[in-house]
Amino acid sequence: MEIVVKQADLTQEAADVVIVNLFQGVTVPGGATGAADIALNGAIREVIAAGDFTGKAGETLVLYPRGALPARRVLVVGLGEADKFDLAGVRHAAAAAARKARDLAAQTVATIVHGAGIGGLDPQAAAQAVVEGTLLGLYRFEGYSSKKPKDWKADPAALVVLERDAGRVPAIEAGVRRGQAIAAGVCLARDLVNTPANYMPPLRMAEQARALAQETGLQVQVLGRAECKALGMGIFMAVAEESEQEPQFIILEHNAGRPDLPTVVLVGKGVTFDSGGISLKPGEEMWRMKDDMAGAAAVIAALGVAARLDLPLHVVGLAPCAENLPGGRAQKPGDVFVGITGKTMEVISTDAEGRMLLADALGYAARYAPAAVVDIATLTGAQGIALGPLAAAVFSNDEPLAERLLAAGDASADRVWRLPLYEEYLEPIKSQVADVKNSGGRFGGVGSSAKFLEHFTEGYPWAHVDMASVAWSDEDRPARPKGATGYGVKLFVAFLESYRG
C-alpha cells in the first residue's frame, strides 16, 4: 500500500472512502467529523439521533455524499469512551476502518489522524498508530490455497493521511514512516509463524534472515551443524541432531562494528516444529507447534525494524533454529549434555527443548559484552495458565532492565507482566548427575524454566519473556487477525528505543 501525508481539508479530498471518527456518547460531532457532517447537511447527527450509531469502539457507519463531497463515501469509525482512549484505541479504530474500506472494495482511502485533535494524543504517535492499525488490520496470510474465497476483496492501493495544520505535517510524516517500519516487522513475523512447518524449516528461516539483511543493510551470519558443534553447543545440538533438517544458528547485527554504541542482544527460540521428541506431545492440535519459532521470528523481524529506523544502538539478534522430532539420533530422558559455557544439563523431558536452544544462545551472547540480553520464547504452557492470552510473562535479574521492558509493554500494547525469579525455583531443577536438569515438573514450571535459563547467562543483565499464550490467536480482532500475532516486535522496538535516553 502506498501511504502519503497531505496537507488538505478532508471535505476537499477525492477518494473512494474518507474516514472520520466519533467518540461514544457524542451527539454533535466537532472537528473534522463536524466539518463532514455540515457538508452532509447533518446526516451524521441524524444517524446518531436515531440511535443507529453510538461511537462504540470499532463500530463503523458508511454514508454516501451524493455530490456533497468529492469522496464517494464517508466512513465514520467509533473511538469508544473518550476517557479510556489511548494509542491502542487508535490502532483498533484504524484497523476496523481499514477492514470496512476493504469490504467496500475501496482502492483509495483518506483518513484523519485519530486522537490527534480532541483526543489530545501526540500527533506523531497518533499517526504512527493509525498506520500500524491500518496495515496490521489489513494483514492476512493467504497461504497455499488454490482458490481465493468467494468474498475475497483486494486491499486498498493507497492511503492518504490528511492534516490541515501545515506545522504538524512533519510530525505526522515521521509517525507514518515509523508506523510503516514497525508494521512491516510485525507482518514479517506473522508470515514466518503462519507458514506451515514443511515450508519454514531452519534453512528457510535462515534464507528469510539473509533476504532481510540484504534489504535493510543488516550484517548476517549463519552457523550450521558443523560450526555449532565446533563451538561446543552440545545442548543446542542435542535437540538439533534429532532431525534430518540442518539446524541454523542465525546471527543478525545492526550497527555491527560500532564499539561506541551500547550493545543489546535479543535471543529468540526457533523450534520450527515441536513434536515433543521422545516425550511426544498429544496428537490433538499438534499442528499448532509450527508456532514454536515465534520467538525467533520476533527477533529477526525486530532487527529489520531497528535497521529501517536506524536506531542508535548496536543490536544483535540470535535465533537458534532446529526441529524437535523423535528419531534414531534423538536425545533421551536421562541423557546429559555439555553446553558452550562448559555447564552441563540433564534431560528430564525432550519436550523441554526450547530452553536447550536458548541455553547455548545465551552462552554465545556473552561474547558481545552486552549492556543487556533479552530472550523471548513460546516456552511454557504454565505461562498461559497464569496470564491467559492477555500478556506475556517477564522475568529479570536486573531491576532497570525489567522496568524498561514493562514500560515498553505499556507503550507498544505488547503487554508483559512481571513474575518472580525466586531462588527457590532452583530446587526443582537440581540434578544428581549434572549442573541442572531441563524440567522441574508441573508446579511452578514457568518460574523454574526461567531459573534454568538464568543459569546459562554469563555476567550481563538479563530478562526472559515467555510468550507462549500470546504468539497465536484463535480470535479475529481488528488489529490482530486470527493466527500468528507477531507479538514481540513492537515490544522490542519500544524497548530498544528506551536506550535513546
Protein backbone atom coordinates (compact mmCIF):
# COMPACT_ATOMS: atom_id res chain seq x y z
CA MET A 1 0.00 0.00 0.00
CA GLU A 2 1.27 3.47 -0.88
CA ILE A 3 0.94 5.87 2.06
CA VAL A 4 1.32 9.64 1.73
CA VAL A 5 0.74 12.59 4.03
CA LYS A 6 -1.16 15.53 2.60
CA GLN A 7 -1.96 18.96 3.94
CA ALA A 8 -5.60 19.25 2.99
CA ASP A 9 -9.17 19.64 4.16
CA LEU A 10 -11.00 16.31 4.14
CA THR A 11 -14.06 17.97 2.64
CA GLN A 12 -11.99 18.64 -0.48
CA GLU A 13 -10.42 15.17 -0.79
CA ALA A 14 -11.50 12.89 -3.63
CA ALA A 15 -11.21 9.25 -2.57
CA ASP A 16 -13.26 6.08 -2.61
CA VAL A 17 -13.56 6.41 1.17
CA VAL A 18 -12.72 9.22 3.56
CA ILE A 19 -12.50 8.19 7.23
CA VAL A 20 -13.53 10.35 10.19
CA ASN A 21 -14.30 9.38 13.79
CA LEU A 22 -16.57 9.88 16.77
CA PHE A 23 -16.30 9.28 20.50
CA GLN A 24 -19.03 7.26 22.18
CA GLY A 25 -21.88 9.37 23.50
CA VAL A 26 -21.15 12.46 21.38
CA THR A 27 -24.33 13.79 19.78
CA VAL A 28 -22.92 16.82 17.95
CA PRO A 29 -19.65 16.00 16.21
CA GLY A 30 -16.88 18.55 16.06
CA GLY A 31 -13.53 18.95 14.30
CA ALA A 32 -13.09 17.09 11.02
CA THR A 33 -16.13 14.91 11.66
CA GLY A 34 -18.18 18.02 12.32
CA ALA A 35 -16.99 19.54 9.04
CA ALA A 36 -18.05 16.38 7.22
CA ASP A 37 -21.41 16.48 8.97
CA ILE A 38 -22.01 20.08 7.91
CA ALA A 39 -21.13 19.23 4.32
CA LEU A 40 -23.58 16.32 4.50
CA ASN A 41 -26.35 18.58 5.83
CA GLY A 42 -26.37 16.98 9.28
CA ALA A 43 -26.51 13.36 8.12
CA ILE A 44 -24.13 12.16 10.84
CA ARG A 45 -26.13 13.89 13.59
CA GLU A 46 -29.31 12.41 12.17
CA VAL A 47 -27.96 8.86 12.36
CA ILE A 48 -26.73 9.45 15.92
CA ALA A 49 -30.09 10.86 16.97
CA ALA A 50 -31.86 7.83 15.52
CA GLY A 51 -29.65 5.57 17.67
CA ASP A 52 -28.17 3.80 14.65
CA PHE A 53 -24.59 4.78 15.51
CA THR A 54 -23.21 5.23 19.02
CA GLY A 55 -19.46 5.66 18.56
CA LYS A 56 -18.65 2.37 20.27
CA ALA A 57 -15.03 1.33 19.72
CA GLY A 58 -14.64 -0.20 16.26
CA GLU A 59 -18.22 0.49 15.18
CA THR A 60 -18.49 1.82 11.62
CA LEU A 61 -21.01 3.86 9.67
CA VAL A 62 -20.95 4.41 5.90
CA LEU A 63 -22.63 7.43 4.33
CA TYR A 64 -22.91 8.38 0.65
CA PRO A 65 -22.36 12.11 -0.03
CA ARG A 66 -24.24 12.16 -3.39
CA GLY A 67 -22.08 15.00 -4.64
CA ALA A 68 -21.94 16.97 -1.38
CA LEU A 69 -18.28 15.93 -1.03
CA PRO A 70 -15.69 14.81 -3.60
CA ALA A 71 -15.32 11.47 -1.78
CA ARG A 72 -17.56 8.60 -2.85
CA ARG A 73 -18.19 7.53 0.74
CA VAL A 74 -17.71 8.89 4.26
CA LEU A 75 -16.83 6.22 6.82
CA VAL A 76 -17.28 7.13 10.49
CA VAL A 77 -15.45 4.88 12.96
CA GLY A 78 -16.21 4.75 16.67
CA LEU A 79 -13.42 5.56 19.12
CA GLY A 80 -15.19 4.34 22.27
CA GLU A 81 -15.23 6.27 25.55
CA ALA A 82 -13.11 9.41 25.49
CA ASP A 83 -11.68 8.97 29.00
CA LYS A 84 -10.35 5.49 28.09
CA PHE A 85 -8.97 6.39 24.68
CA ASP A 86 -5.26 5.81 24.03
CA LEU A 87 -2.89 4.74 21.26
CA ALA A 88 -4.20 1.17 21.41
CA GLY A 89 -7.63 2.68 20.71
CA VAL A 90 -6.19 4.48 17.68
CA ARG A 91 -4.85 1.19 16.29
CA HIS A 92 -8.17 -0.52 16.93
CA ALA A 93 -10.17 2.22 15.19
CA ALA A 94 -7.79 2.44 12.23
CA ALA A 95 -7.85 -1.34 11.77
CA ALA A 96 -11.65 -1.53 11.92
CA ALA A 97 -11.99 1.31 9.41
CA ALA A 98 -9.41 -0.21 7.04
CA ARG A 99 -11.19 -3.55 7.04
CA LYS A 100 -14.50 -1.88 6.31
CA ALA A 101 -12.93 0.09 3.47
CA ARG A 102 -11.63 -3.16 2.01
CA ASP A 103 -15.07 -4.74 2.31
CA LEU A 104 -16.34 -1.82 0.24
CA ALA A 105 -13.70 -2.59 -2.41
CA ALA A 106 -12.18 0.87 -1.93
CA GLN A 107 -8.87 1.40 -3.66
CA THR A 108 -8.14 4.94 -2.48
CA VAL A 109 -8.67 5.76 1.19
CA ALA A 110 -8.14 9.04 3.03
CA THR A 111 -8.10 9.34 6.81
CA ILE A 112 -7.65 11.90 9.51
CA VAL A 113 -5.27 11.12 12.38
CA HIS A 114 -7.47 9.67 15.10
CA GLY A 115 -6.81 11.16 18.52
CA ALA A 116 -4.53 13.98 17.38
CA GLY A 117 -7.27 16.58 17.80
CA ILE A 118 -9.81 16.47 20.61
CA GLY A 119 -8.31 13.15 21.74
CA GLY A 120 -5.23 15.03 22.94
CA LEU A 121 -2.68 12.47 21.75
CA ASP A 122 0.75 13.38 20.41
CA PRO A 123 0.32 13.83 16.62
CA GLN A 124 3.40 11.80 15.68
CA ALA A 125 2.48 8.91 17.96
CA ALA A 126 -1.14 9.01 16.79
CA ALA A 127 -0.11 8.99 13.12
CA GLN A 128 2.16 6.03 13.79
CA ALA A 129 -0.71 4.19 15.47
CA VAL A 130 -3.05 4.95 12.56
CA VAL A 131 -0.63 3.41 10.08
CA GLU A 132 0.14 0.45 12.32
CA GLY A 133 -3.56 -0.22 12.83
CA THR A 134 -4.34 0.12 9.13
CA LEU A 135 -1.60 -2.23 7.94
CA LEU A 136 -2.00 -4.77 10.74
CA GLY A 137 -5.77 -4.78 10.31
CA LEU A 138 -5.46 -5.48 6.60
CA TYR A 139 -2.94 -8.28 7.17
CA ARG A 140 -3.98 -11.72 6.02
CA PHE A 141 -1.99 -14.86 5.37
CA GLU A 142 -3.33 -16.25 2.12
CA GLY A 143 -1.25 -19.40 2.43
CA TYR A 144 -1.34 -22.11 -0.13
CA SER A 145 -5.00 -22.42 -1.13
CA SER A 146 -5.53 -22.99 -4.83
CA LYS A 147 -8.51 -20.60 -4.90
CA LYS A 148 -9.37 -17.35 -3.19
CA PRO A 149 -12.55 -17.23 -1.06
CA LYS A 150 -15.67 -16.00 -2.87
CA ASP A 151 -15.85 -12.89 -0.67
CA TRP A 152 -12.17 -12.01 -1.21
CA LYS A 153 -11.51 -8.29 -1.81
CA ALA A 154 -8.23 -6.65 -2.75
CA ASP A 155 -6.56 -4.36 -0.22
CA PRO A 156 -6.76 -0.62 -0.85
CA ALA A 157 -3.89 0.54 -3.05
CA ALA A 158 -3.36 3.94 -1.43
CA LEU A 159 -3.84 5.65 1.92
CA VAL A 160 -3.73 9.43 2.25
CA VAL A 161 -3.22 10.75 5.78
CA LEU A 162 -4.80 14.19 5.97
CA GLU A 163 -3.68 17.07 8.17
CA ARG A 164 -4.95 20.65 7.88
CA ASP A 165 -2.23 22.26 10.04
CA ALA A 166 0.98 22.66 7.98
CA GLY A 167 3.01 22.94 11.18
CA ARG A 168 2.09 19.40 12.21
CA VAL A 169 2.78 17.76 8.85
CA PRO A 170 6.48 16.93 9.59
CA ALA A 171 5.50 15.15 12.82
CA ILE A 172 2.72 13.27 11.02
CA GLU A 173 5.16 12.22 8.29
CA ALA A 174 7.65 10.94 10.87
CA GLY A 175 4.90 8.96 12.57
CA VAL A 176 3.79 7.46 9.28
CA ARG A 177 7.33 6.31 8.44
CA ARG A 178 7.71 4.72 11.86
CA GLY A 179 4.33 3.04 11.60
CA GLN A 180 5.22 1.56 8.23
CA ALA A 181 8.54 0.17 9.52
CA ILE A 182 7.01 -1.38 12.62
CA ALA A 183 4.01 -2.83 10.79
CA ALA A 184 6.35 -4.37 8.20
CA GLY A 185 8.20 -6.09 11.04
CA VAL A 186 5.04 -7.42 12.67
CA CYS A 187 3.73 -8.67 9.33
CA LEU A 188 7.03 -10.44 8.62
CA ALA A 189 6.89 -12.18 11.99
CA ARG A 190 3.28 -13.20 11.32
CA ASP A 191 4.22 -14.59 7.92
CA LEU A 192 7.09 -16.64 9.35
CA VAL A 193 4.91 -18.15 12.07
CA ASN A 194 1.83 -18.72 9.90
CA THR A 195 3.82 -20.61 7.27
CA PRO A 196 3.48 -24.42 7.57
CA ALA A 197 6.50 -26.11 9.10
CA ASN A 198 7.37 -28.02 5.92
CA TYR A 199 7.73 -24.64 4.15
CA MET A 200 9.59 -23.00 7.07
CA PRO A 201 12.35 -25.37 8.25
CA PRO A 202 15.53 -23.90 9.77
CA LEU A 203 17.16 -23.41 6.36
CA ARG A 204 14.19 -21.34 5.19
CA MET A 205 14.37 -19.24 8.36
CA ALA A 206 17.99 -18.52 7.51
CA GLU A 207 17.04 -17.59 3.94
CA GLN A 208 14.46 -15.14 5.27
CA ALA A 209 17.07 -13.60 7.57
CA ARG A 210 19.53 -13.22 4.68
CA ALA A 211 16.87 -11.60 2.50
CA LEU A 212 16.03 -9.15 5.29
CA ALA A 213 19.71 -8.34 5.74
CA GLN A 214 20.07 -7.70 2.01
CA GLU A 215 17.08 -5.35 2.10
CA THR A 216 17.96 -3.40 5.24
CA GLY A 217 21.76 -3.47 5.49
CA LEU A 218 21.95 -5.78 8.49
CA GLN A 219 25.03 -7.95 8.86
CA VAL A 220 24.16 -11.65 8.82
CA GLN A 221 25.99 -14.85 9.71
CA VAL A 222 24.52 -18.35 9.86
CA LEU A 223 26.18 -21.24 11.67
CA GLY A 224 25.30 -24.77 10.58
CA ARG A 225 25.67 -28.16 12.22
CA ALA A 226 29.46 -28.37 11.94
CA GLU A 227 30.08 -24.81 13.19
CA CYS A 228 27.78 -25.24 16.19
CA LYS A 229 29.48 -28.50 17.14
CA ALA A 230 32.89 -26.87 16.82
CA LEU A 231 31.80 -24.10 19.19
CA GLY A 232 30.74 -26.67 21.78
CA MET A 233 27.00 -26.05 21.58
CA GLY A 234 26.22 -29.53 22.86
CA ILE A 235 22.91 -28.60 24.45
CA PHE A 236 21.56 -26.94 21.29
CA MET A 237 22.84 -29.83 19.19
CA ALA A 238 21.14 -32.40 21.43
CA VAL A 239 17.86 -31.08 20.01
CA ALA A 240 19.13 -30.37 16.51
CA GLU A 241 20.53 -33.87 15.96
CA GLU A 242 17.03 -35.37 16.17
CA SER A 243 16.02 -34.11 12.74
CA GLU A 244 17.42 -34.54 9.25
CA GLN A 245 16.79 -30.82 8.76
CA GLU A 246 20.03 -28.84 9.05
CA PRO A 247 19.98 -26.65 12.20
CA GLN A 248 20.74 -22.97 11.74
CA PHE A 249 22.12 -20.57 14.33
CA ILE A 250 21.20 -17.20 12.84
CA ILE A 251 23.10 -14.05 13.85
CA LEU A 252 21.90 -10.62 12.72
CA GLU A 253 23.59 -7.34 13.65
CA HIS A 254 22.50 -3.73 13.32
CA ASN A 255 25.39 -1.24 13.55
CA ALA A 256 27.97 -4.02 13.63
CA GLY A 257 31.47 -2.76 14.33
CA ARG A 258 30.27 0.25 16.39
CA PRO A 259 32.01 -0.10 19.79
CA ASP A 260 30.90 3.45 20.61
CA LEU A 261 27.29 2.30 20.88
CA PRO A 262 25.65 0.25 23.66
CA THR A 263 25.10 -3.38 22.72
CA VAL A 264 21.77 -5.10 23.28
CA VAL A 265 21.31 -8.77 22.39
CA LEU A 266 17.90 -10.25 21.57
CA VAL A 267 17.59 -14.04 21.60
CA GLY A 268 14.63 -15.92 20.13
CA LYS A 269 13.65 -19.57 20.39
CA GLY A 270 13.40 -21.07 16.91
CA VAL A 271 11.89 -24.56 17.13
CA THR A 272 10.41 -24.70 13.65
CA PHE A 273 8.28 -27.67 14.63
CA ASP A 274 7.92 -29.23 18.06
CA SER A 275 6.61 -32.79 18.27
CA GLY A 276 7.95 -33.12 21.80
CA GLY A 277 10.61 -35.58 20.67
CA ILE A 278 10.59 -38.92 22.50
CA SER A 279 8.44 -37.21 25.17
CA LEU A 280 5.82 -36.97 22.45
CA LYS A 281 3.08 -34.36 22.69
CA PRO A 282 -0.58 -35.40 22.38
CA GLY A 283 -1.58 -35.58 18.73
CA GLU A 284 -4.61 -33.32 19.11
CA GLU A 285 -3.78 -29.87 17.71
CA MET A 286 -0.09 -30.70 17.40
CA TRP A 287 -0.27 -28.72 14.15
CA ARG A 288 -0.08 -25.58 16.28
CA MET A 289 3.53 -26.39 17.07
CA LYS A 290 4.59 -24.70 13.86
CA ASP A 291 4.41 -21.55 16.01
CA ASP A 292 7.21 -22.70 18.33
CA MET A 293 9.63 -20.48 16.41
CA ALA A 294 7.64 -17.31 17.15
CA GLY A 295 10.43 -16.02 19.40
CA ALA A 296 12.98 -16.31 16.61
CA ALA A 297 10.52 -14.70 14.19
CA ALA A 298 10.07 -11.74 16.55
CA VAL A 299 13.83 -11.28 16.93
CA ILE A 300 14.54 -11.46 13.19
CA ALA A 301 11.72 -9.04 12.40
CA ALA A 302 12.70 -6.63 15.20
CA LEU A 303 16.25 -6.43 13.83
CA GLY A 304 14.77 -5.40 10.48
CA VAL A 305 12.81 -2.60 12.16
CA ALA A 306 15.90 -1.45 14.08
CA ALA A 307 17.73 -1.13 10.76
CA ARG A 308 14.87 0.65 8.99
CA LEU A 309 14.58 3.15 11.83
CA ASP A 310 18.39 3.39 12.13
CA LEU A 311 18.26 3.09 15.91
CA PRO A 312 21.47 4.39 17.57
CA LEU A 313 22.39 1.06 19.16
CA HIS A 314 24.44 -2.00 18.34
CA VAL A 315 21.68 -4.62 18.27
CA VAL A 316 22.43 -8.32 17.92
CA GLY A 317 19.74 -10.87 17.15
CA LEU A 318 20.39 -14.54 17.86
CA ALA A 319 17.93 -17.12 16.52
CA PRO A 320 18.86 -20.77 17.15
CA CYS A 321 16.63 -22.81 14.84
CA ALA A 322 16.00 -26.56 14.81
CA GLU A 323 13.20 -29.12 14.63
CA ASN A 324 12.29 -31.27 17.64
CA LEU A 325 11.40 -34.74 16.34
CA PRO A 326 11.78 -38.32 17.55
CA GLY A 327 14.30 -40.37 15.60
CA GLY A 328 17.33 -42.63 15.72
CA ARG A 329 19.60 -39.80 16.87
CA ALA A 330 17.10 -38.34 19.32
CA GLN A 331 18.08 -37.29 22.84
CA LYS A 332 16.60 -39.44 25.62
CA PRO A 333 15.34 -38.63 29.09
CA GLY A 334 18.28 -39.11 31.42
CA ASP A 335 20.91 -38.04 28.90
CA VAL A 336 23.47 -35.38 29.89
CA PHE A 337 24.90 -32.73 27.57
CA VAL A 338 27.60 -30.06 27.82
CA GLY A 339 26.91 -26.57 26.51
CA ILE A 340 29.06 -23.77 25.09
CA THR A 341 29.81 -22.41 28.57
CA GLY A 342 31.01 -25.80 29.85
CA LYS A 343 27.93 -26.15 32.05
CA THR A 344 26.08 -29.47 31.98
CA MET A 345 22.40 -30.32 31.73
CA GLU A 346 20.37 -33.47 32.31
CA VAL A 347 17.38 -34.16 30.07
CA ILE A 348 14.21 -34.92 32.01
CA SER A 349 11.81 -34.18 29.17
CA THR A 350 12.68 -33.94 25.50
CA ASP A 351 9.63 -31.68 25.24
CA ALA A 352 11.51 -29.05 27.25
CA GLU A 353 13.71 -28.42 24.24
CA GLY A 354 13.24 -24.71 23.65
CA ARG A 355 15.20 -23.78 26.74
CA MET A 356 18.01 -26.03 25.48
CA LEU A 357 18.32 -23.95 22.31
CA LEU A 358 18.28 -20.78 24.40
CA ALA A 359 20.87 -22.11 26.87
CA ASP A 360 23.64 -22.17 24.27
CA ALA A 361 22.41 -18.96 22.63
CA LEU A 362 22.59 -17.17 26.00
CA GLY A 363 26.11 -18.51 26.44
CA TYR A 364 27.04 -17.26 22.98
CA ALA A 365 25.61 -13.80 23.77
CA ALA A 366 28.32 -13.15 26.36
CA ARG A 367 30.95 -12.65 23.66
CA TYR A 368 29.37 -9.29 22.80
CA ALA A 369 29.84 -7.89 26.34
CA PRO A 370 26.24 -6.64 26.14
CA ALA A 371 24.58 -3.95 28.20
CA ALA A 372 21.50 -6.21 28.26
CA VAL A 373 20.25 -9.53 26.91
CA VAL A 374 16.57 -10.36 26.47
CA ASP A 375 15.34 -13.74 25.31
CA ILE A 376 11.83 -14.46 24.05
CA ALA A 377 10.19 -17.83 23.65
CA THR A 378 6.98 -19.80 23.47
CA LEU A 379 8.37 -21.66 26.45
CA THR A 380 5.74 -23.00 28.88
CA GLY A 381 2.07 -23.84 28.97
CA ALA A 382 2.17 -22.65 32.58
CA GLN A 383 2.59 -19.07 31.36
CA GLY A 384 -0.76 -19.25 29.61
CA ILE A 385 -2.44 -20.79 32.66
CA ALA A 386 -1.13 -17.87 34.72
CA LEU A 387 -1.86 -14.95 32.39
CA GLY A 388 -4.12 -16.24 29.63
CA PRO A 389 -3.93 -14.66 26.17
CA LEU A 390 -3.63 -11.12 27.54
CA ALA A 391 0.08 -10.73 28.33
CA ALA A 392 3.45 -12.43 28.25
CA ALA A 393 5.40 -13.15 31.41
CA VAL A 394 8.70 -11.39 32.04
CA PHE A 395 11.45 -12.44 34.44
CA SER A 396 14.64 -10.50 35.09
CA ASN A 397 17.67 -10.43 37.36
CA ASP A 398 18.12 -6.69 36.78
CA GLU A 399 15.63 -4.06 38.01
CA PRO A 400 16.37 -1.29 35.46
CA LEU A 401 16.09 -3.82 32.62
CA ALA A 402 12.79 -5.13 33.96
CA GLU A 403 11.44 -1.59 34.23
CA ARG A 404 12.42 -0.86 30.61
CA LEU A 405 10.55 -3.93 29.41
CA LEU A 406 7.44 -3.17 31.45
CA ALA A 407 7.38 0.39 30.11
CA ALA A 408 7.91 -0.91 26.57
CA GLY A 409 4.98 -3.29 27.00
CA ASP A 410 2.73 -0.43 28.05
CA ALA A 411 3.89 1.80 25.18
CA SER A 412 3.60 -0.84 22.47
CA ALA A 413 0.48 -2.74 23.64
CA ASP A 414 2.61 -5.93 23.53
CA ARG A 415 1.84 -6.33 27.20
CA VAL A 416 4.10 -8.06 29.72
CA TRP A 417 3.56 -8.88 33.39
CA ARG A 418 6.46 -9.46 35.71
CA LEU A 419 6.70 -12.73 37.62
CA PRO A 420 9.19 -13.51 40.41
CA LEU A 421 12.55 -15.17 39.91
CA TYR A 422 12.78 -16.76 43.36
CA GLU A 423 15.94 -18.60 44.35
CA GLU A 424 13.70 -21.45 45.48
CA TYR A 425 12.94 -22.16 41.80
CA LEU A 426 16.43 -23.67 41.63
CA GLU A 427 15.43 -26.58 43.84
CA PRO A 428 13.22 -28.40 41.31
CA ILE A 429 15.92 -28.26 38.62
CA LYS A 430 18.81 -29.58 40.69
CA SER A 431 20.30 -32.74 39.18
CA GLN A 432 22.27 -35.58 40.72
CA VAL A 433 24.27 -36.13 37.53
CA ALA A 434 24.63 -32.62 36.01
CA ASP A 435 24.60 -28.96 36.93
CA VAL A 436 20.88 -28.63 36.24
CA LYS A 437 18.04 -30.58 34.67
CA ASN A 438 15.80 -29.20 31.97
CA SER A 439 12.49 -29.62 33.74
CA GLY A 440 11.38 -29.05 37.31
CA GLY A 441 7.98 -30.61 36.92
CA ARG A 442 4.48 -29.25 36.60
CA PHE A 443 4.18 -26.94 39.60
CA GLY A 444 5.94 -23.59 39.28
CA GLY A 445 7.11 -24.61 35.82
CA VAL A 446 7.11 -21.10 34.42
CA GLY A 447 9.43 -19.91 37.22
CA SER A 448 11.77 -22.92 37.29
CA SER A 449 12.11 -22.67 33.49
CA ALA A 450 13.19 -19.05 33.80
CA LYS A 451 15.64 -20.03 36.53
CA PHE A 452 17.06 -22.70 34.20
CA LEU A 453 17.77 -20.05 31.57
CA GLU A 454 19.37 -17.70 34.09
CA HIS A 455 21.83 -20.49 34.93
CA PHE A 456 23.33 -20.13 31.43
CA THR A 457 23.65 -16.35 31.44
CA GLU A 458 27.20 -15.05 31.69
CA GLY A 459 27.73 -11.80 33.59
CA TYR A 460 25.21 -9.46 31.94
CA PRO A 461 21.79 -8.03 32.82
CA TRP A 462 19.21 -10.50 31.53
CA ALA A 463 15.47 -10.82 31.07
CA HIS A 464 13.28 -13.62 29.77
CA VAL A 465 9.91 -13.14 28.03
CA ASP A 466 7.65 -16.21 27.97
CA MET A 467 5.15 -15.52 25.19
CA ALA A 468 3.57 -18.98 24.90
CA SER A 469 -0.03 -17.78 25.16
CA VAL A 470 0.23 -14.65 23.02
CA ALA A 471 2.05 -15.89 19.91
CA TRP A 472 -1.15 -17.24 18.36
CA SER A 473 -4.75 -16.06 18.46
CA ASP A 474 -7.90 -18.07 17.88
CA GLU A 475 -9.93 -14.85 17.81
CA ASP A 476 -10.14 -12.38 14.96
CA ARG A 477 -9.73 -8.80 16.20
CA PRO A 478 -9.35 -5.64 14.12
CA ALA A 479 -5.58 -5.14 14.51
CA ARG A 480 -4.82 -8.80 15.25
CA PRO A 481 -6.33 -11.26 12.78
CA LYS A 482 -6.74 -14.91 13.70
CA GLY A 483 -3.45 -16.84 13.56
CA ALA A 484 0.05 -15.61 14.31
CA THR A 485 0.03 -12.30 16.21
CA GLY A 486 3.57 -11.07 15.56
CA TYR A 487 3.89 -10.48 19.29
CA GLY A 488 7.26 -9.20 20.45
CA VAL A 489 8.21 -6.98 17.52
CA LYS A 490 6.52 -3.84 18.85
CA LEU A 491 7.71 -4.72 22.37
CA PHE A 492 11.31 -4.96 21.25
CA VAL A 493 11.22 -1.77 19.18
CA ALA A 494 9.83 0.22 22.12
CA PHE A 495 12.40 -1.43 24.41
CA LEU A 496 15.33 -0.63 22.11
CA GLU A 497 14.18 2.96 21.72
CA SER A 498 14.26 3.38 25.50
CA TYR A 499 18.06 3.40 25.20
CA ARG A 500 17.88 6.75 23.42
CA GLY A 501 17.78 8.23 26.93
